[in-house]
Structure formats: C-alpha cells, structure tokens
Amino acid sequence: MFLRRLARPVMMMAKVKETTGIVGLEVVPNAREVLINLYSKTLKEIQKVPEDEGYRKAVESFTSQRLKVCQEEEDWEMIEKRLGCGQVEELIEEAQDELKLIDKMIEWDPWGIPDDYECEVIENDAPVPKHVPLHRPGPLPEEFYKTLEAVHSGTLKDAISSSKKDEPAISSS
C-alpha cells in the first residue's frame, strides 16, 4: 500500500498520449526513442550519397537538427512544439519515408550524370489544353537585378546607402 502511494505521483507526471486524432495513425508510446533511432540511421545512410550533393546537405541539416531536439527533450509534447512539424507519429512516418527515399536515390544515382551528357529535346506540337495558361510572367524590375548583383559582389551596403540618398526626404510640415 505504501508503494502504491509513492509510485502513483510519479506515474501521474508522465503525459500519456491517447490518440493522434488522425485516422489510421496509431500512438507510439516510445516515439522519442524511435525518432532518435530513425534519425541516427538516416544520418548514417545519407553518408553513402556524395558529399557535395544538395540532397545530402539538406537531409543532414534537418535530420541533425531534429535529432538534437529529440535528444534534448524528454517529453513528446516539447519535441512536437520545438520542431513544429506535426505530431511525433507523423515525424516517425516521415523519417521512415526519408530512409526509403535515400535507398532509392542511391539506386537511381541522379548525381552520376556525366558533365558532357546531352539531353535530347523532343518538340511536341500537340495543342495546349485550355486549362493551361499560355501567358508568361513579365520581366523582373531592374532594381531586382541591381540588388542581386550587389549581393553577389558584396556591395549591398553601398547600394542601400546610395538608394537612400536618391530618395527625397519627407518633410514634417
């Protein structure tokens, strides 16, 4: 009896998730441990992708960040709150899908295309369906290209300060 009184408050402290509220998505009681395992496996598997590939960099970046949060937080609610990407059960499904995708990407080897590879362009004279718009967006304003050039050349501060000089001062009267 004494043991029950002592153990009951500890059991009450742990929050138990009863449902995900999503049809077909069952609650995973040890979601944190499952996520840590999946994210660790993902980081190991992504090492098979060449280092300079954008896909690898993106997967490593978000997986490392998510793994860190899962290691820092004990509570599933805090993990969900800090990641802001859905419920832990959804994150588990997403991590499992990412692992499958990594295997497929390695199989498909999209980064293995030689630099001198030429793609054949096939012209299609079929009429465009009515629901597809035929217009093209207009050109971007000249200021966009000036700003882009300033960013690339490292002179953005100069461009900003010169544009402020050109603007008329607003009078307070």
N, C-alpha and C. Protein backbone atom coordinates (compact mmCIF):
# COMPACT_ATOMS: atom_id res chain seq x y z
N MET A 1 0.81 -1.18 0.00
CA MET A 1 0.00 0.00 0.00
C MET A 1 0.87 1.26 0.00
N PHE A 2 1.90 1.25 0.81
CA PHE A 2 2.82 2.38 0.85
C PHE A 2 3.46 2.61 -0.53
N LEU A 3 3.80 1.51 -1.21
CA LEU A 3 4.43 1.60 -2.52
C LEU A 3 3.49 2.23 -3.54
N ARG A 4 2.21 1.91 -3.46
CA ARG A 4 1.24 2.47 -4.39
C ARG A 4 1.14 3.99 -4.23
N ARG A 5 1.13 4.44 -3.01
CA ARG A 5 1.03 5.88 -2.76
C ARG A 5 2.27 6.61 -3.24
N LEU A 6 3.40 5.97 -3.12
CA LEU A 6 4.65 6.57 -3.55
C LEU A 6 4.78 6.56 -5.06
N ALA A 7 4.38 5.47 -5.69
CA ALA A 7 4.55 5.32 -7.14
C ALA A 7 3.51 6.11 -7.93
N ARG A 8 2.33 6.30 -7.39
CA ARG A 8 1.25 6.95 -8.14
C ARG A 8 1.61 8.37 -8.61
N PRO A 9 2.18 9.25 -7.79
CA PRO A 9 2.53 10.59 -8.29
C PRO A 9 3.54 10.56 -9.43
N VAL A 10 4.47 9.63 -9.41
CA VAL A 10 5.45 9.53 -10.49
C VAL A 10 4.76 9.15 -11.79
N MET A 11 3.82 8.20 -11.70
CA MET A 11 3.10 7.78 -12.89
C MET A 11 2.21 8.89 -13.41
N MET A 12 1.69 9.72 -12.56
CA MET A 12 0.81 10.81 -12.97
C MET A 12 1.60 11.90 -13.70
N MET A 13 2.91 12.00 -13.43
CA MET A 13 3.71 13.05 -14.04
C MET A 13 3.90 12.82 -15.53
N ALA A 14 4.04 11.58 -15.95
CA ALA A 14 4.26 11.27 -17.36
C ALA A 14 2.97 11.48 -18.13
N LYS A 15 3.04 12.27 -19.21
CA LYS A 15 1.86 12.53 -20.03
C LYS A 15 1.71 11.37 -21.02
N VAL A 16 0.53 10.81 -21.04
CA VAL A 16 0.25 9.70 -21.93
C VAL A 16 -0.65 10.19 -23.05
N LYS A 17 -0.21 9.95 -24.26
CA LYS A 17 -1.00 10.35 -25.42
C LYS A 17 -1.99 9.24 -25.71
N GLU A 18 -3.26 9.59 -25.81
CA GLU A 18 -4.28 8.58 -26.01
C GLU A 18 -4.63 8.39 -27.47
N THR A 19 -4.54 9.45 -28.27
CA THR A 19 -4.86 9.35 -29.69
C THR A 19 -4.11 10.43 -30.46
N THR A 20 -3.89 10.16 -31.74
CA THR A 20 -3.26 11.17 -32.60
C THR A 20 -4.31 12.08 -33.21
N GLY A 21 -5.56 11.59 -33.23
CA GLY A 21 -6.62 12.35 -33.88
C GLY A 21 -6.57 12.20 -35.39
N ILE A 22 -5.71 11.32 -35.88
CA ILE A 22 -5.58 11.09 -37.32
C ILE A 22 -5.96 9.64 -37.59
N VAL A 23 -6.95 9.43 -38.45
CA VAL A 23 -7.40 8.08 -38.75
C VAL A 23 -6.25 7.26 -39.32
N GLY A 24 -6.03 6.08 -38.73
CA GLY A 24 -5.00 5.17 -39.22
C GLY A 24 -3.62 5.42 -38.65
N LEU A 25 -3.46 6.47 -37.88
CA LEU A 25 -2.15 6.78 -37.29
C LEU A 25 -2.21 6.50 -35.80
N GLU A 26 -1.62 5.39 -35.40
CA GLU A 26 -1.67 4.95 -34.01
C GLU A 26 -0.63 5.70 -33.17
N VAL A 27 -0.92 5.79 -31.88
CA VAL A 27 0.00 6.41 -30.93
C VAL A 27 1.23 5.51 -30.77
N VAL A 28 2.40 6.12 -30.75
CA VAL A 28 3.65 5.40 -30.50
C VAL A 28 4.11 5.81 -29.10
N PRO A 29 4.00 4.89 -28.12
CA PRO A 29 4.32 5.26 -26.74
C PRO A 29 5.78 5.65 -26.53
N ASN A 30 6.69 5.07 -27.28
CA ASN A 30 8.12 5.38 -27.14
C ASN A 30 8.62 6.16 -28.35
N ALA A 31 7.84 7.16 -28.77
CA ALA A 31 8.13 7.91 -30.00
C ALA A 31 9.50 8.57 -29.98
N ARG A 32 9.90 9.10 -28.85
CA ARG A 32 11.20 9.77 -28.75
C ARG A 32 12.32 8.81 -29.10
N GLU A 33 12.31 7.63 -28.52
CA GLU A 33 13.37 6.65 -28.78
C GLU A 33 13.34 6.19 -30.24
N VAL A 34 12.14 6.02 -30.78
CA VAL A 34 12.00 5.61 -32.18
C VAL A 34 12.58 6.70 -33.09
N LEU A 35 12.27 7.96 -32.80
CA LEU A 35 12.78 9.06 -33.62
C LEU A 35 14.31 9.15 -33.54
N ILE A 36 14.85 9.03 -32.34
CA ILE A 36 16.31 9.08 -32.19
C ILE A 36 16.96 7.97 -33.01
N ASN A 37 16.39 6.79 -32.96
CA ASN A 37 16.91 5.66 -33.72
C ASN A 37 16.82 5.92 -35.23
N LEU A 38 15.66 6.39 -35.69
CA LEU A 38 15.47 6.65 -37.12
C LEU A 38 16.38 7.78 -37.62
N TYR A 39 16.48 8.87 -36.85
CA TYR A 39 17.33 9.98 -37.27
C TYR A 39 18.81 9.57 -37.28
N SER A 40 19.23 8.77 -36.33
CA SER A 40 20.62 8.29 -36.31
C SER A 40 20.89 7.40 -37.52
N LYS A 41 19.94 6.55 -37.84
CA LYS A 41 20.08 5.67 -39.01
C LYS A 41 20.10 6.49 -40.30
N THR A 42 19.27 7.52 -40.36
CA THR A 42 19.24 8.39 -41.54
C THR A 42 20.59 9.07 -41.75
N LEU A 43 21.17 9.59 -40.67
CA LEU A 43 22.47 10.25 -40.79
C LEU A 43 23.56 9.27 -41.22
N LYS A 44 23.44 8.03 -40.82
CA LYS A 44 24.40 7.01 -41.24
C LYS A 44 24.21 6.66 -42.72
N GLU A 45 22.96 6.47 -43.15
CA GLU A 45 22.67 6.08 -44.52
C GLU A 45 22.99 7.18 -45.53
N ILE A 46 22.77 8.44 -45.15
CA ILE A 46 22.99 9.55 -46.08
C ILE A 46 24.47 9.72 -46.40
N GLN A 47 25.35 9.10 -45.60
CA GLN A 47 26.78 9.17 -45.88
C GLN A 47 27.14 8.50 -47.20
N LYS A 48 26.26 7.65 -47.72
CA LYS A 48 26.50 6.95 -48.99
C LYS A 48 26.30 7.87 -50.19
N VAL A 49 25.65 9.02 -49.97
CA VAL A 49 25.43 10.00 -51.03
C VAL A 49 26.66 10.90 -51.09
N PRO A 50 27.11 11.29 -52.30
CA PRO A 50 28.28 12.17 -52.40
C PRO A 50 28.13 13.44 -51.57
N GLU A 51 29.25 13.85 -50.95
CA GLU A 51 29.27 14.99 -50.02
C GLU A 51 28.76 16.30 -50.59
N ASP A 52 29.06 16.57 -51.85
CA ASP A 52 28.73 17.87 -52.42
C ASP A 52 27.31 17.95 -52.99
N GLU A 53 26.51 16.91 -52.84
CA GLU A 53 25.15 16.91 -53.36
C GLU A 53 24.20 17.67 -52.44
N GLY A 54 23.36 18.49 -53.02
CA GLY A 54 22.39 19.28 -52.25
C GLY A 54 21.44 18.41 -51.45
N TYR A 55 21.06 17.28 -52.01
CA TYR A 55 20.14 16.39 -51.30
C TYR A 55 20.76 15.94 -49.98
N ARG A 56 22.02 15.54 -50.03
CA ARG A 56 22.69 15.09 -48.80
C ARG A 56 22.78 16.23 -47.79
N LYS A 57 23.16 17.40 -48.26
CA LYS A 57 23.30 18.54 -47.35
C LYS A 57 21.98 18.87 -46.68
N ALA A 58 20.89 18.85 -47.44
CA ALA A 58 19.58 19.17 -46.88
C ALA A 58 19.15 18.12 -45.85
N VAL A 59 19.31 16.85 -46.20
CA VAL A 59 18.90 15.77 -45.29
C VAL A 59 19.73 15.81 -44.02
N GLU A 60 21.03 15.99 -44.15
CA GLU A 60 21.89 16.07 -42.96
C GLU A 60 21.50 17.24 -42.07
N SER A 61 21.19 18.36 -42.69
CA SER A 61 20.87 19.57 -41.93
C SER A 61 19.60 19.39 -41.10
N PHE A 62 18.48 19.04 -41.76
CA PHE A 62 17.25 18.96 -40.98
C PHE A 62 17.22 17.75 -40.06
N THR A 63 17.88 16.65 -40.46
CA THR A 63 17.89 15.47 -39.60
C THR A 63 18.73 15.72 -38.36
N SER A 64 19.85 16.36 -38.50
CA SER A 64 20.70 16.68 -37.34
C SER A 64 19.97 17.58 -36.37
N GLN A 65 19.27 18.56 -36.90
CA GLN A 65 18.53 19.49 -36.05
C GLN A 65 17.42 18.76 -35.30
N ARG A 66 16.70 17.89 -35.98
CA ARG A 66 15.62 17.14 -35.34
C ARG A 66 16.16 16.15 -34.31
N LEU A 67 17.27 15.51 -34.63
CA LEU A 67 17.89 14.57 -33.69
C LEU A 67 18.31 15.30 -32.42
N LYS A 68 18.88 16.47 -32.58
CA LYS A 68 19.32 17.25 -31.42
C LYS A 68 18.14 17.59 -30.51
N VAL A 69 17.03 18.00 -31.10
CA VAL A 69 15.84 18.33 -30.30
C VAL A 69 15.35 17.09 -29.57
N CYS A 70 15.31 15.95 -30.25
CA CYS A 70 14.84 14.71 -29.62
C CYS A 70 15.76 14.28 -28.48
N GLN A 71 17.04 14.53 -28.62
CA GLN A 71 17.98 14.16 -27.55
C GLN A 71 17.87 15.12 -26.37
N GLU A 72 17.54 16.37 -26.63
CA GLU A 72 17.46 17.38 -25.57
C GLU A 72 16.14 17.30 -24.79
N GLU A 73 15.07 16.90 -25.45
CA GLU A 73 13.75 16.89 -24.83
C GLU A 73 13.33 15.47 -24.47
N GLU A 74 12.76 15.32 -23.30
CA GLU A 74 12.25 14.02 -22.85
C GLU A 74 10.77 13.86 -23.22
N ASP A 75 10.05 14.95 -23.25
CA ASP A 75 8.60 14.95 -23.41
C ASP A 75 8.20 15.05 -24.87
N TRP A 76 7.30 14.19 -25.31
CA TRP A 76 6.86 14.21 -26.70
C TRP A 76 6.18 15.53 -27.07
N GLU A 77 5.49 16.17 -26.13
CA GLU A 77 4.84 17.44 -26.42
C GLU A 77 5.87 18.53 -26.72
N MET A 78 6.97 18.53 -25.97
CA MET A 78 8.02 19.54 -26.21
C MET A 78 8.72 19.29 -27.54
N ILE A 79 8.90 18.02 -27.89
CA ILE A 79 9.50 17.69 -29.20
C ILE A 79 8.61 18.24 -30.31
N GLU A 80 7.32 17.97 -30.22
CA GLU A 80 6.39 18.46 -31.24
C GLU A 80 6.40 19.99 -31.30
N LYS A 81 6.42 20.61 -30.13
CA LYS A 81 6.39 22.08 -30.07
C LYS A 81 7.65 22.69 -30.66
N ARG A 82 8.80 22.17 -30.28
CA ARG A 82 10.08 22.75 -30.76
C ARG A 82 10.30 22.50 -32.24
N LEU A 83 9.91 21.34 -32.75
CA LEU A 83 10.12 21.06 -34.17
C LEU A 83 9.06 21.74 -35.03
N GLY A 84 7.84 21.83 -34.53
CA GLY A 84 6.78 22.49 -35.29
C GLY A 84 6.48 21.85 -36.62
N CYS A 85 6.62 20.54 -36.70
CA CYS A 85 6.41 19.82 -37.97
C CYS A 85 5.36 18.72 -37.84
N GLY A 86 4.45 18.85 -36.89
CA GLY A 86 3.42 17.84 -36.72
C GLY A 86 3.66 17.01 -35.47
N GLN A 87 2.87 15.95 -35.37
CA GLN A 87 2.96 15.07 -34.22
C GLN A 87 4.15 14.12 -34.36
N VAL A 88 4.61 13.59 -33.23
CA VAL A 88 5.77 12.70 -33.27
C VAL A 88 5.50 11.47 -34.14
N GLU A 89 4.27 11.02 -34.17
CA GLU A 89 3.93 9.87 -35.00
C GLU A 89 4.05 10.21 -36.49
N GLU A 90 3.71 11.44 -36.84
CA GLU A 90 3.88 11.89 -38.23
C GLU A 90 5.37 12.01 -38.56
N LEU A 91 6.15 12.49 -37.59
CA LEU A 91 7.60 12.59 -37.79
C LEU A 91 8.22 11.22 -37.99
N ILE A 92 7.71 10.22 -37.28
CA ILE A 92 8.21 8.85 -37.45
C ILE A 92 7.94 8.37 -38.86
N GLU A 93 6.72 8.57 -39.35
CA GLU A 93 6.40 8.16 -40.72
C GLU A 93 7.28 8.89 -41.72
N GLU A 94 7.49 10.17 -41.49
CA GLU A 94 8.32 10.97 -42.40
C GLU A 94 9.76 10.47 -42.40
N ALA A 95 10.29 10.14 -41.23
CA ALA A 95 11.67 9.64 -41.14
C ALA A 95 11.79 8.27 -41.81
N GLN A 96 10.78 7.43 -41.68
CA GLN A 96 10.80 6.14 -42.35
C GLN A 96 10.77 6.32 -43.87
N ASP A 97 9.95 7.27 -44.33
CA ASP A 97 9.89 7.56 -45.77
C ASP A 97 11.22 8.11 -46.28
N GLU A 98 11.87 8.95 -45.48
CA GLU A 98 13.17 9.51 -45.89
C GLU A 98 14.20 8.40 -46.06
N LEU A 99 14.20 7.43 -45.15
CA LEU A 99 15.12 6.31 -45.27
C LEU A 99 14.88 5.52 -46.56
N LYS A 100 13.62 5.32 -46.91
CA LYS A 100 13.29 4.64 -48.17
C LYS A 100 13.77 5.46 -49.36
N LEU A 101 13.58 6.78 -49.27
CA LEU A 101 14.00 7.65 -50.37
C LEU A 101 15.51 7.64 -50.53
N ILE A 102 16.24 7.62 -49.43
CA ILE A 102 17.70 7.57 -49.53
C ILE A 102 18.13 6.33 -50.29
N ASP A 103 17.52 5.18 -49.97
CA ASP A 103 17.84 3.94 -50.70
C ASP A 103 17.54 4.09 -52.19
N LYS A 104 16.40 4.69 -52.52
CA LYS A 104 16.03 4.87 -53.93
C LYS A 104 17.00 5.84 -54.63
N MET A 105 17.36 6.91 -53.94
CA MET A 105 18.27 7.88 -54.54
C MET A 105 19.63 7.24 -54.83
N ILE A 106 20.08 6.40 -53.92
CA ILE A 106 21.35 5.70 -54.14
C ILE A 106 21.21 4.76 -55.34
N GLU A 107 20.07 4.09 -55.43
CA GLU A 107 19.82 3.18 -56.56
C GLU A 107 19.74 3.95 -57.88
N TRP A 108 19.04 5.07 -57.89
CA TRP A 108 18.85 5.84 -59.11
C TRP A 108 20.10 6.61 -59.52
N ASP A 109 20.92 7.00 -58.57
CA ASP A 109 22.18 7.71 -58.82
C ASP A 109 22.00 8.95 -59.71
N PRO A 110 21.13 9.90 -59.30
CA PRO A 110 20.91 11.07 -60.15
C PRO A 110 22.12 11.99 -60.27
N TRP A 111 23.07 11.89 -59.37
CA TRP A 111 24.27 12.72 -59.41
C TRP A 111 25.35 12.11 -60.26
N GLY A 112 25.11 10.93 -60.80
CA GLY A 112 26.13 10.24 -61.60
C GLY A 112 26.08 10.60 -63.08
N ILE A 113 25.41 11.67 -63.46
CA ILE A 113 25.32 12.07 -64.87
C ILE A 113 26.61 12.78 -65.27
N PRO A 114 27.25 12.33 -66.35
CA PRO A 114 28.50 12.98 -66.78
C PRO A 114 28.27 14.44 -67.19
N ASP A 115 29.29 15.27 -67.01
CA ASP A 115 29.19 16.69 -67.35
C ASP A 115 28.90 16.92 -68.82
N ASP A 116 29.39 16.04 -69.69
CA ASP A 116 29.21 16.24 -71.12
C ASP A 116 27.94 15.57 -71.66
N TYR A 117 27.08 15.10 -70.77
CA TYR A 117 25.85 14.44 -71.19
C TYR A 117 24.93 15.44 -71.85
N GLU A 118 24.39 15.08 -73.02
CA GLU A 118 23.46 15.95 -73.72
C GLU A 118 22.10 15.29 -73.76
N CYS A 119 21.12 16.05 -73.40
CA CYS A 119 19.76 15.57 -73.36
C CYS A 119 19.07 15.88 -74.68
N GLU A 120 18.34 14.90 -75.21
CA GLU A 120 17.62 15.12 -76.46
C GLU A 120 16.33 15.86 -76.15
N VAL A 121 16.09 16.94 -76.88
CA VAL A 121 14.87 17.71 -76.71
C VAL A 121 13.89 17.29 -77.79
N ILE A 122 12.72 16.86 -77.37
CA ILE A 122 11.70 16.42 -78.32
C ILE A 122 10.63 17.49 -78.38
N GLU A 123 10.43 18.03 -79.57
CA GLU A 123 9.40 19.05 -79.75
C GLU A 123 8.04 18.37 -79.82
N ASN A 124 7.07 18.98 -79.16
CA ASN A 124 5.73 18.44 -79.15
C ASN A 124 4.80 19.50 -79.69
N ASP A 125 4.19 19.22 -80.84
CA ASP A 125 3.29 20.19 -81.47
C ASP A 125 1.83 20.00 -81.07
N ALA A 126 1.58 19.19 -80.06
CA ALA A 126 0.21 18.96 -79.61
C ALA A 126 -0.37 20.26 -79.07
N PRO A 127 -1.66 20.46 -79.24
CA PRO A 127 -2.27 21.69 -78.72
C PRO A 127 -2.22 21.72 -77.19
N VAL A 128 -2.09 22.93 -76.69
CA VAL A 128 -2.03 23.12 -75.24
C VAL A 128 -3.47 23.05 -74.70
N PRO A 129 -3.69 22.25 -73.65
CA PRO A 129 -5.05 22.18 -73.08
C PRO A 129 -5.52 23.56 -72.61
N LYS A 130 -6.84 23.77 -72.64
CA LYS A 130 -7.41 25.07 -72.32
C LYS A 130 -7.14 25.51 -70.87
N HIS A 131 -6.98 24.54 -69.95
CA HIS A 131 -6.78 24.91 -68.55
C HIS A 131 -5.34 25.34 -68.25
N VAL A 132 -4.43 25.19 -69.22
CA VAL A 132 -3.04 25.58 -69.02
C VAL A 132 -2.86 27.01 -69.51
N PRO A 133 -2.41 27.91 -68.66
CA PRO A 133 -2.25 29.31 -69.10
C PRO A 133 -1.13 29.44 -70.14
N LEU A 134 -1.35 30.27 -71.13
CA LEU A 134 -0.37 30.46 -72.19
C LEU A 134 0.54 31.66 -71.95
N HIS A 135 0.20 32.48 -70.99
CA HIS A 135 0.99 33.68 -70.74
C HIS A 135 2.26 33.35 -69.96
N ARG A 136 3.23 34.18 -70.12
CA ARG A 136 4.46 34.07 -69.35
C ARG A 136 4.55 35.30 -68.45
N PRO A 137 5.13 35.12 -67.27
CA PRO A 137 5.25 36.30 -66.39
C PRO A 137 6.16 37.34 -67.02
N GLY A 138 5.88 38.59 -66.71
CA GLY A 138 6.68 39.68 -67.24
C GLY A 138 8.08 39.70 -66.65
N PRO A 139 8.95 40.53 -67.20
CA PRO A 139 10.33 40.59 -66.68
C PRO A 139 10.36 41.18 -65.28
N LEU A 140 11.39 40.81 -64.54
CA LEU A 140 11.57 41.35 -63.20
C LEU A 140 12.05 42.79 -63.30
N PRO A 141 11.75 43.61 -62.30
CA PRO A 141 12.20 45.01 -62.34
C PRO A 141 13.73 45.11 -62.31
N GLU A 142 14.25 46.15 -62.88
CA GLU A 142 15.70 46.36 -62.95
C GLU A 142 16.34 46.41 -61.57
N GLU A 143 15.59 46.94 -60.57
CA GLU A 143 16.11 47.02 -59.20
C GLU A 143 16.46 45.63 -58.65
N PHE A 144 15.69 44.62 -59.06
CA PHE A 144 15.96 43.26 -58.60
C PHE A 144 17.36 42.83 -59.04
N TYR A 145 17.69 43.07 -60.30
CA TYR A 145 18.99 42.66 -60.82
C TYR A 145 20.12 43.46 -60.19
N LYS A 146 19.87 44.74 -59.92
CA LYS A 146 20.89 45.56 -59.26
C LYS A 146 21.16 45.04 -57.84
N THR A 147 20.10 44.73 -57.13
CA THR A 147 20.25 44.20 -55.76
C THR A 147 20.95 42.86 -55.79
N LEU A 148 20.56 42.00 -56.71
CA LEU A 148 21.19 40.69 -56.83
C LEU A 148 22.68 40.82 -57.12
N GLU A 149 23.04 41.71 -57.99
CA GLU A 149 24.46 41.94 -58.30
C GLU A 149 25.20 42.48 -57.08
N ALA A 150 24.56 43.37 -56.34
CA ALA A 150 25.18 43.93 -55.13
C ALA A 150 25.39 42.85 -54.08
N VAL A 151 24.46 41.93 -53.97
CA VAL A 151 24.61 40.84 -53.01
C VAL A 151 25.79 39.96 -53.41
N HIS A 152 25.87 39.63 -54.69
CA HIS A 152 26.96 38.77 -55.15
C HIS A 152 28.32 39.44 -55.09
N SER A 153 28.36 40.74 -55.32
CA SER A 153 29.65 41.43 -55.31
C SER A 153 30.05 41.90 -53.91
N GLY A 154 29.13 41.78 -52.95
CA GLY A 154 29.45 42.18 -51.58
C GLY A 154 29.30 43.66 -51.33
N THR A 155 28.63 44.37 -52.21
CA THR A 155 28.48 45.82 -52.06
C THR A 155 27.04 46.21 -51.74
N LEU A 156 26.33 45.32 -51.08
CA LEU A 156 24.92 45.59 -50.78
C LEU A 156 24.75 46.82 -49.91
N LYS A 157 25.62 46.99 -48.91
CA LYS A 157 25.51 48.17 -48.04
C LYS A 157 25.68 49.45 -48.84
N ASP A 158 26.61 49.43 -49.80
CA ASP A 158 26.82 50.62 -50.64
C ASP A 158 25.58 50.90 -51.47
N ALA A 159 24.97 49.84 -52.01
CA ALA A 159 23.78 50.02 -52.84
C ALA A 159 22.62 50.56 -52.01
N ILE A 160 22.48 50.08 -50.79
CA ILE A 160 21.39 50.56 -49.92
C ILE A 160 21.60 52.01 -49.55
N SER A 161 22.83 52.36 -49.17
CA SER A 161 23.09 53.74 -48.75
C SER A 161 22.94 54.71 -49.92
N SER A 162 23.32 54.30 -51.14
CA SER A 162 23.17 55.20 -52.29
C SER A 162 21.72 55.35 -52.67
N SER A 163 20.91 54.30 -52.50
CA SER A 163 19.49 54.42 -52.84
C SER A 163 18.77 55.32 -51.84
N LYS A 164 19.23 55.35 -50.60
CA LYS A 164 18.61 56.22 -49.59
C LYS A 164 18.93 57.68 -49.89
N LYS A 165 20.11 57.95 -50.46
CA LYS A 165 20.47 59.32 -50.81
C LYS A 165 19.61 59.85 -51.94
N ASP A 166 19.23 58.93 -52.86
CA ASP A 166 18.44 59.34 -54.01
C ASP A 166 16.97 59.61 -53.66
N GLU A 167 16.50 59.03 -52.55
CA GLU A 167 15.10 59.22 -52.17
C GLU A 167 14.91 60.61 -51.59
N PRO A 168 13.80 61.27 -51.93
CA PRO A 168 13.55 62.60 -51.38
C PRO A 168 13.22 62.49 -49.88
N ALA A 169 13.66 63.44 -49.14
CA ALA A 169 13.38 63.47 -47.70
C ALA A 169 11.92 63.82 -47.49
N ILE A 170 11.28 63.25 -46.53
CA ILE A 170 9.88 63.53 -46.22
C ILE A 170 9.86 64.73 -45.28
N SER A 171 9.11 65.73 -45.67
CA SER A 171 9.06 66.93 -44.82
C SER A 171 8.02 66.73 -43.72
N SER A 172 8.28 67.32 -42.58
CA SER A 172 7.41 67.15 -41.43
C SER A 172 6.32 68.21 -41.38
N SER A 173 6.27 69.09 -42.36
CA SER A 173 5.28 70.16 -42.30
C SER A 173 3.96 69.77 -42.89
